[in-house]
């Protein structure tokens, strides 16, 4: 297996403006992905994603924020510190209007560049594939509920 990138694409029954908010604002991120989040959708902003009771805190750095079409950030820094010079994974959400909804394309890249030995690379890649298999549909369901709620 190549372990180069992970890609997922789904149609979401919500407009791009809503989906952008869902992927970029802490109060929404915590509804479909992490247990806690602190991030501002501004290029260069450093924030964090939290799982559990702060048991797992990962820094993130916003790379691009172009509402309502693009949001990307780096995460999984080797030393657990946001460091622009270090290898890290890049997550990109591309949003495009599709009928009355949005086509969301998620791409996660940078696995080979992390410098992990083969077994660790394979393990992290598999973990992220399994994670996105759960979280991308959850993201879509959550965004659709936001626009259908009274």
N, C-alpha and C. Protein backbone atom coordinates (compact mmCIF):
# COMPACT_ATOMS: atom_id res chain seq x y z
N UNK A 1 0.85 -1.19 0.00
CA UNK A 1 0.00 0.00 0.00
C UNK A 1 0.89 1.24 0.00
N UNK A 2 0.39 2.29 -0.62
CA UNK A 2 1.19 3.50 -0.82
C UNK A 2 1.22 4.43 0.40
N UNK A 3 0.13 4.55 1.15
CA UNK A 3 0.03 5.42 2.32
C UNK A 3 0.26 6.89 2.00
N UNK A 4 -0.09 7.31 0.79
CA UNK A 4 0.15 8.69 0.39
C UNK A 4 -0.90 9.65 0.91
N UNK A 5 -2.17 9.34 0.68
CA UNK A 5 -3.22 10.26 1.12
C UNK A 5 -4.51 9.48 1.35
N UNK A 6 -5.39 10.12 2.08
CA UNK A 6 -6.73 9.59 2.32
C UNK A 6 -7.69 10.60 1.70
N UNK A 7 -8.64 10.10 0.95
CA UNK A 7 -9.63 10.99 0.33
C UNK A 7 -11.03 10.45 0.59
N UNK A 8 -11.93 11.34 0.92
CA UNK A 8 -13.32 11.01 1.10
C UNK A 8 -14.15 12.10 0.44
N UNK A 9 -15.24 11.72 -0.19
CA UNK A 9 -16.12 12.70 -0.81
C UNK A 9 -17.56 12.30 -0.52
N UNK A 10 -18.35 13.29 -0.08
CA UNK A 10 -19.77 13.02 0.20
C UNK A 10 -20.60 14.22 -0.24
N UNK A 11 -21.88 13.95 -0.45
CA UNK A 11 -22.85 15.01 -0.68
C UNK A 11 -23.54 15.28 0.66
N UNK A 12 -23.67 16.56 0.99
CA UNK A 12 -24.30 16.96 2.25
C UNK A 12 -25.50 17.84 1.91
N UNK A 13 -26.63 17.53 2.53
CA UNK A 13 -27.86 18.29 2.31
C UNK A 13 -27.86 19.57 3.15
N UNK A 14 -26.88 20.42 2.88
CA UNK A 14 -26.76 21.73 3.53
C UNK A 14 -25.91 22.60 2.60
N UNK A 15 -26.15 23.91 2.59
CA UNK A 15 -25.37 24.78 1.71
C UNK A 15 -23.91 24.90 2.16
N UNK A 16 -23.01 25.26 1.24
CA UNK A 16 -21.58 25.38 1.58
C UNK A 16 -21.31 26.30 2.77
N UNK A 17 -22.08 27.35 2.93
CA UNK A 17 -21.86 28.26 4.06
C UNK A 17 -22.02 27.53 5.39
N UNK A 18 -23.01 26.67 5.47
CA UNK A 18 -23.25 25.90 6.70
C UNK A 18 -22.15 24.86 6.88
N UNK A 19 -21.81 24.16 5.82
CA UNK A 19 -20.78 23.12 5.92
C UNK A 19 -19.44 23.73 6.30
N UNK A 20 -19.11 24.90 5.77
CA UNK A 20 -17.86 25.57 6.16
C UNK A 20 -17.84 25.82 7.66
N UNK A 21 -18.93 26.30 8.21
CA UNK A 21 -19.01 26.54 9.65
C UNK A 21 -18.82 25.23 10.42
N UNK A 22 -19.40 24.14 9.93
CA UNK A 22 -19.32 22.84 10.60
C UNK A 22 -17.89 22.32 10.65
N UNK A 23 -17.09 22.57 9.61
CA UNK A 23 -15.72 22.06 9.61
C UNK A 23 -14.72 23.02 10.23
N UNK A 24 -15.12 24.26 10.50
CA UNK A 24 -14.14 25.25 10.94
C UNK A 24 -14.41 25.90 12.30
N UNK A 25 -15.57 25.69 12.87
CA UNK A 25 -15.89 26.35 14.14
C UNK A 25 -15.93 25.34 15.28
N UNK A 26 -15.28 25.66 16.40
CA UNK A 26 -15.18 24.72 17.52
C UNK A 26 -16.51 24.14 18.00
N UNK A 27 -17.54 24.99 18.10
CA UNK A 27 -18.83 24.50 18.61
C UNK A 27 -19.45 23.46 17.69
N UNK A 28 -19.07 23.46 16.43
CA UNK A 28 -19.58 22.45 15.50
C UNK A 28 -18.64 21.25 15.41
N UNK A 29 -17.33 21.50 15.40
CA UNK A 29 -16.34 20.40 15.33
C UNK A 29 -16.59 19.39 16.45
N UNK A 30 -16.95 19.89 17.62
CA UNK A 30 -17.16 19.00 18.76
C UNK A 30 -18.45 18.18 18.64
N UNK A 31 -19.29 18.50 17.69
CA UNK A 31 -20.52 17.74 17.50
C UNK A 31 -20.34 16.54 16.58
N UNK A 32 -19.27 16.53 15.81
CA UNK A 32 -19.09 15.41 14.87
C UNK A 32 -17.70 14.76 14.95
N UNK A 33 -16.71 15.40 15.61
CA UNK A 33 -15.36 14.85 15.57
C UNK A 33 -14.72 14.75 16.94
N UNK A 34 -14.22 15.86 17.46
CA UNK A 34 -13.46 15.80 18.71
C UNK A 34 -14.34 16.15 19.91
N UNK A 35 -13.81 15.89 21.11
CA UNK A 35 -14.54 16.21 22.33
C UNK A 35 -14.41 17.69 22.70
N UNK A 36 -13.35 18.31 22.24
CA UNK A 36 -13.12 19.72 22.48
C UNK A 36 -12.36 20.31 21.32
N UNK A 37 -12.50 21.60 21.11
CA UNK A 37 -11.78 22.27 20.03
C UNK A 37 -11.63 23.73 20.37
N UNK A 38 -10.51 24.28 19.97
CA UNK A 38 -10.26 25.70 20.12
C UNK A 38 -9.48 26.11 18.88
N UNK A 39 -10.14 26.75 17.95
CA UNK A 39 -9.48 27.16 16.72
C UNK A 39 -10.24 28.33 16.11
N UNK A 40 -9.50 29.19 15.45
CA UNK A 40 -10.09 30.31 14.73
C UNK A 40 -9.81 30.09 13.25
N UNK A 41 -10.81 30.27 12.41
CA UNK A 41 -10.66 30.00 10.97
C UNK A 41 -9.93 31.15 10.28
N UNK A 42 -8.66 31.31 10.67
CA UNK A 42 -7.79 32.34 10.13
C UNK A 42 -6.45 31.71 9.79
N UNK A 43 -5.96 31.87 8.56
CA UNK A 43 -4.66 31.29 8.22
C UNK A 43 -3.57 31.70 9.22
N UNK A 44 -2.83 30.72 9.69
CA UNK A 44 -1.77 30.94 10.67
C UNK A 44 -2.21 30.76 12.11
N UNK A 45 -3.52 30.72 12.35
CA UNK A 45 -4.01 30.56 13.72
C UNK A 45 -3.64 29.18 14.25
N UNK A 46 -3.21 29.14 15.50
CA UNK A 46 -2.88 27.87 16.16
C UNK A 46 -3.99 27.58 17.17
N UNK A 47 -4.47 26.35 17.15
CA UNK A 47 -5.52 25.94 18.07
C UNK A 47 -5.26 24.52 18.53
N UNK A 48 -6.32 23.87 19.00
CA UNK A 48 -6.15 22.50 19.47
C UNK A 48 -7.44 21.71 19.30
N UNK A 49 -7.25 20.41 19.17
CA UNK A 49 -8.34 19.45 19.19
C UNK A 49 -8.12 18.57 20.41
N UNK A 50 -9.20 18.23 21.11
CA UNK A 50 -9.09 17.48 22.36
C UNK A 50 -9.99 16.26 22.29
N UNK A 51 -9.46 15.13 22.74
CA UNK A 51 -10.24 13.91 22.88
C UNK A 51 -10.16 13.46 24.33
N UNK A 52 -11.26 12.93 24.83
CA UNK A 52 -11.31 12.52 26.22
C UNK A 52 -11.28 13.74 27.12
N UNK A 53 -11.00 13.54 28.37
CA UNK A 53 -10.94 14.64 29.34
C UNK A 53 -9.53 15.24 29.28
N UNK A 54 -9.22 15.85 28.13
CA UNK A 54 -7.91 16.42 27.83
C UNK A 54 -6.81 15.37 27.87
N UNK A 55 -7.19 14.10 27.70
CA UNK A 55 -6.21 13.02 27.67
C UNK A 55 -5.37 13.07 26.41
N UNK A 56 -5.96 13.53 25.33
CA UNK A 56 -5.26 13.61 24.05
C UNK A 56 -5.54 14.98 23.45
N UNK A 57 -4.54 15.86 23.51
CA UNK A 57 -4.66 17.22 23.00
C UNK A 57 -3.68 17.38 21.85
N UNK A 58 -4.21 17.69 20.67
CA UNK A 58 -3.37 17.84 19.50
C UNK A 58 -3.44 19.26 18.97
N UNK A 59 -2.28 19.92 18.82
CA UNK A 59 -2.29 21.26 18.24
C UNK A 59 -2.59 21.21 16.75
N UNK A 60 -3.25 22.24 16.27
CA UNK A 60 -3.50 22.38 14.84
C UNK A 60 -3.11 23.79 14.42
N UNK A 61 -2.73 23.93 13.16
CA UNK A 61 -2.41 25.24 12.59
C UNK A 61 -3.22 25.42 11.31
N UNK A 62 -4.03 26.45 11.27
CA UNK A 62 -4.85 26.71 10.09
C UNK A 62 -3.94 27.14 8.94
N UNK A 63 -4.10 26.51 7.79
CA UNK A 63 -3.33 26.83 6.60
C UNK A 63 -4.13 27.75 5.69
N UNK A 64 -5.34 27.35 5.35
CA UNK A 64 -6.21 28.14 4.48
C UNK A 64 -7.62 28.20 5.06
N UNK A 65 -8.25 29.35 4.91
CA UNK A 65 -9.65 29.51 5.28
C UNK A 65 -10.26 30.47 4.26
N UNK A 66 -10.99 29.91 3.31
CA UNK A 66 -11.63 30.70 2.27
C UNK A 66 -13.12 30.36 2.24
N UNK A 67 -13.89 30.98 3.17
CA UNK A 67 -15.32 30.67 3.23
C UNK A 67 -16.01 30.99 1.92
N UNK A 68 -16.94 30.22 1.47
CA UNK A 68 -17.37 28.94 2.03
C UNK A 68 -16.82 27.75 1.24
N UNK A 69 -15.61 27.88 0.67
CA UNK A 69 -15.16 26.81 -0.22
C UNK A 69 -13.96 26.00 0.25
N UNK A 70 -13.15 26.49 1.20
CA UNK A 70 -11.93 25.78 1.55
C UNK A 70 -11.54 26.03 2.99
N UNK A 71 -11.18 24.96 3.68
CA UNK A 71 -10.62 25.06 5.03
C UNK A 71 -9.59 23.96 5.16
N UNK A 72 -8.37 24.33 5.57
CA UNK A 72 -7.33 23.31 5.75
C UNK A 72 -6.49 23.64 6.96
N UNK A 73 -5.93 22.58 7.55
CA UNK A 73 -5.06 22.76 8.71
C UNK A 73 -4.06 21.62 8.80
N UNK A 74 -2.98 21.89 9.52
CA UNK A 74 -1.96 20.88 9.80
C UNK A 74 -2.15 20.39 11.23
N UNK A 75 -1.84 19.10 11.42
CA UNK A 75 -1.93 18.50 12.75
C UNK A 75 -1.03 17.29 12.82
N UNK A 76 -1.00 16.62 13.96
CA UNK A 76 -0.15 15.44 14.19
C UNK A 76 1.33 15.79 14.06
N UNK A 77 1.73 16.84 14.76
CA UNK A 77 3.13 17.23 14.79
C UNK A 77 3.92 16.19 15.58
N UNK A 78 5.16 15.87 15.17
CA UNK A 78 5.92 14.80 15.81
C UNK A 78 6.17 15.01 17.31
N UNK A 79 6.41 16.25 17.74
CA UNK A 79 6.69 16.48 19.16
C UNK A 79 5.47 16.97 19.93
N UNK A 80 4.30 16.93 19.27
CA UNK A 80 3.09 17.39 19.93
C UNK A 80 3.00 18.90 20.08
N UNK A 81 3.88 19.63 19.39
CA UNK A 81 3.89 21.09 19.42
C UNK A 81 3.70 21.61 18.01
N UNK A 82 2.86 22.61 17.82
CA UNK A 82 2.69 23.21 16.50
C UNK A 82 4.02 23.80 16.07
N UNK A 83 4.54 23.33 14.96
CA UNK A 83 5.87 23.73 14.49
C UNK A 83 5.85 23.75 12.96
N UNK A 84 5.90 24.95 12.39
CA UNK A 84 5.81 25.09 10.94
C UNK A 84 6.95 24.41 10.20
N UNK A 85 8.07 24.18 10.88
CA UNK A 85 9.21 23.56 10.21
C UNK A 85 9.19 22.03 10.30
N UNK A 86 8.27 21.48 11.09
CA UNK A 86 8.21 20.03 11.29
C UNK A 86 7.25 19.38 10.31
N UNK A 87 7.49 18.12 10.05
CA UNK A 87 6.55 17.34 9.25
C UNK A 87 5.24 17.24 10.02
N UNK A 88 4.14 17.27 9.29
CA UNK A 88 2.82 17.15 9.92
C UNK A 88 1.85 16.69 8.85
N UNK A 89 0.67 16.30 9.28
CA UNK A 89 -0.37 15.90 8.34
C UNK A 89 -1.20 17.13 7.97
N UNK A 90 -1.68 17.16 6.73
CA UNK A 90 -2.49 18.26 6.25
C UNK A 90 -3.89 17.75 5.92
N UNK A 91 -4.90 18.34 6.53
CA UNK A 91 -6.29 18.02 6.23
C UNK A 91 -6.88 19.19 5.46
N UNK A 92 -7.51 18.88 4.32
CA UNK A 92 -8.14 19.89 3.49
C UNK A 92 -9.59 19.51 3.26
N UNK A 93 -10.48 20.46 3.53
CA UNK A 93 -11.90 20.32 3.22
C UNK A 93 -12.18 21.24 2.04
N UNK A 94 -12.57 20.68 0.91
CA UNK A 94 -12.97 21.47 -0.25
C UNK A 94 -14.48 21.35 -0.38
N UNK A 95 -15.16 22.48 -0.50
CA UNK A 95 -16.61 22.52 -0.53
C UNK A 95 -17.07 23.14 -1.85
N UNK A 96 -18.03 22.51 -2.50
CA UNK A 96 -18.57 23.04 -3.74
C UNK A 96 -20.08 22.88 -3.73
N UNK A 97 -20.81 23.90 -4.22
CA UNK A 97 -22.26 23.76 -4.32
C UNK A 97 -22.60 22.56 -5.19
N UNK A 98 -23.65 21.85 -4.80
CA UNK A 98 -24.12 20.69 -5.55
C UNK A 98 -25.63 20.60 -5.36
N UNK A 99 -26.36 21.08 -6.35
CA UNK A 99 -27.81 21.15 -6.21
C UNK A 99 -28.14 22.08 -5.05
N UNK A 100 -29.00 21.62 -4.15
CA UNK A 100 -29.36 22.42 -2.98
C UNK A 100 -28.38 22.18 -1.83
N UNK A 101 -27.37 21.35 -2.04
CA UNK A 101 -26.44 21.00 -0.98
C UNK A 101 -24.99 21.32 -1.32
N UNK A 102 -24.10 20.49 -0.78
CA UNK A 102 -22.66 20.70 -0.91
C UNK A 102 -21.97 19.37 -1.19
N UNK A 103 -21.00 19.42 -2.10
CA UNK A 103 -20.10 18.29 -2.27
C UNK A 103 -18.87 18.60 -1.42
N UNK A 104 -18.62 17.77 -0.43
CA UNK A 104 -17.45 17.93 0.44
C UNK A 104 -16.41 16.90 0.03
N UNK A 105 -15.21 17.38 -0.17
CA UNK A 105 -14.08 16.48 -0.45
C UNK A 105 -13.05 16.71 0.63
N UNK A 106 -12.75 15.67 1.38
CA UNK A 106 -11.72 15.71 2.42
C UNK A 106 -10.49 15.00 1.89
N UNK A 107 -9.33 15.60 2.08
CA UNK A 107 -8.07 14.97 1.74
C UNK A 107 -7.13 15.12 2.93
N UNK A 108 -6.49 14.03 3.32
CA UNK A 108 -5.46 14.09 4.35
C UNK A 108 -4.18 13.56 3.74
N UNK A 109 -3.12 14.38 3.79
CA UNK A 109 -1.85 14.03 3.18
C UNK A 109 -0.70 14.21 4.17
N UNK A 110 0.47 13.69 3.78
CA UNK A 110 1.68 13.90 4.57
C UNK A 110 2.15 12.69 5.33
N UNK A 111 1.49 11.56 5.18
CA UNK A 111 1.85 10.36 5.95
C UNK A 111 3.29 9.93 5.68
N UNK A 112 3.68 9.82 4.42
CA UNK A 112 5.04 9.36 4.09
C UNK A 112 6.10 10.35 4.57
N UNK A 113 5.75 11.63 4.60
CA UNK A 113 6.70 12.66 4.99
C UNK A 113 6.96 12.71 6.50
N UNK A 114 6.17 11.99 7.28
CA UNK A 114 6.32 12.02 8.73
C UNK A 114 7.61 11.34 9.20
N UNK A 115 8.21 10.51 8.37
CA UNK A 115 9.45 9.84 8.76
C UNK A 115 9.26 8.65 9.67
N UNK A 116 8.02 8.16 9.77
CA UNK A 116 7.74 7.00 10.60
C UNK A 116 8.32 5.75 9.96
N UNK A 117 8.73 4.80 10.77
CA UNK A 117 9.14 3.50 10.23
C UNK A 117 7.89 2.80 9.70
N UNK A 118 8.09 1.80 8.86
CA UNK A 118 7.00 1.21 8.06
C UNK A 118 5.80 0.76 8.88
N UNK A 119 6.03 0.07 9.99
CA UNK A 119 4.91 -0.44 10.79
C UNK A 119 4.11 0.71 11.40
N UNK A 120 4.80 1.74 11.89
CA UNK A 120 4.11 2.89 12.49
C UNK A 120 3.34 3.66 11.43
N UNK A 121 3.92 3.83 10.24
CA UNK A 121 3.24 4.49 9.13
C UNK A 121 1.96 3.74 8.79
N UNK A 122 2.04 2.44 8.64
CA UNK A 122 0.87 1.63 8.30
C UNK A 122 -0.20 1.74 9.39
N UNK A 123 0.22 1.69 10.65
CA UNK A 123 -0.73 1.77 11.76
C UNK A 123 -1.46 3.12 11.78
N UNK A 124 -0.71 4.22 11.67
CA UNK A 124 -1.33 5.54 11.69
C UNK A 124 -2.25 5.73 10.48
N UNK A 125 -1.80 5.27 9.32
CA UNK A 125 -2.62 5.41 8.12
C UNK A 125 -3.94 4.64 8.29
N UNK A 126 -3.87 3.40 8.75
CA UNK A 126 -5.09 2.60 8.97
C UNK A 126 -6.00 3.26 9.99
N UNK A 127 -5.43 3.78 11.08
CA UNK A 127 -6.23 4.46 12.10
C UNK A 127 -6.98 5.66 11.52
N UNK A 128 -6.30 6.43 10.69
CA UNK A 128 -6.93 7.61 10.10
C UNK A 128 -7.99 7.22 9.07
N UNK A 129 -7.72 6.18 8.28
CA UNK A 129 -8.74 5.69 7.33
C UNK A 129 -9.99 5.28 8.09
N UNK A 130 -9.82 4.49 9.15
CA UNK A 130 -10.97 4.04 9.94
C UNK A 130 -11.68 5.23 10.59
N UNK A 131 -10.92 6.20 11.06
CA UNK A 131 -11.53 7.37 11.67
C UNK A 131 -12.37 8.17 10.69
N UNK A 132 -11.82 8.44 9.51
CA UNK A 132 -12.59 9.21 8.52
C UNK A 132 -13.80 8.43 8.03
N UNK A 133 -13.73 7.11 8.04
CA UNK A 133 -14.90 6.31 7.66
C UNK A 133 -16.06 6.54 8.62
N UNK A 134 -15.75 6.89 9.86
CA UNK A 134 -16.77 7.20 10.86
C UNK A 134 -17.14 8.69 10.84
N UNK A 135 -16.11 9.55 10.86
CA UNK A 135 -16.35 10.97 11.09
C UNK A 135 -16.89 11.73 9.89
N UNK A 136 -16.52 11.36 8.67
CA UNK A 136 -17.04 12.08 7.51
C UNK A 136 -18.56 11.90 7.39
N UNK A 137 -19.09 10.68 7.48
CA UNK A 137 -20.57 10.56 7.47
C UNK A 137 -21.22 11.31 8.64
N UNK A 138 -20.59 11.27 9.81
CA UNK A 138 -21.14 11.98 10.97
C UNK A 138 -21.18 13.49 10.71
N UNK A 139 -20.14 14.02 10.07
CA UNK A 139 -20.10 15.43 9.70
C UNK A 139 -21.29 15.76 8.79
N UNK A 140 -21.50 14.94 7.77
CA UNK A 140 -22.60 15.16 6.83
C UNK A 140 -23.96 15.12 7.51
N UNK A 141 -24.16 14.15 8.38
CA UNK A 141 -25.44 14.03 9.09
C UNK A 141 -25.67 15.23 10.00
N UNK A 142 -24.61 15.66 10.69
CA UNK A 142 -24.74 16.81 11.59
C UNK A 142 -25.09 18.08 10.82
N UNK A 143 -24.37 18.35 9.72
CA UNK A 143 -24.65 19.56 8.93
C UNK A 143 -26.07 19.55 8.38
N UNK A 144 -26.51 18.40 7.90
CA UNK A 144 -27.87 18.30 7.37
C UNK A 144 -28.91 18.56 8.46
N UNK A 145 -28.66 18.07 9.68
CA UNK A 145 -29.59 18.31 10.80
C UNK A 145 -29.68 19.80 11.13
N UNK A 146 -28.57 20.52 10.98
CA UNK A 146 -28.58 21.96 11.31
C UNK A 146 -29.57 22.72 10.44
N UNK A 147 -29.64 22.37 9.17
CA UNK A 147 -30.53 23.11 8.27
C UNK A 147 -31.95 22.58 8.29
N UNK A 148 -32.15 21.36 8.80
CA UNK A 148 -33.50 20.82 8.84
C UNK A 148 -34.18 21.04 10.19
N UNK A 149 -33.42 21.50 11.18
CA UNK A 149 -33.99 21.75 12.51
C UNK A 149 -34.91 22.97 12.45
N UNK A 150 -36.02 22.91 13.19
CA UNK A 150 -36.96 24.05 13.17
C UNK A 150 -36.40 25.28 13.86
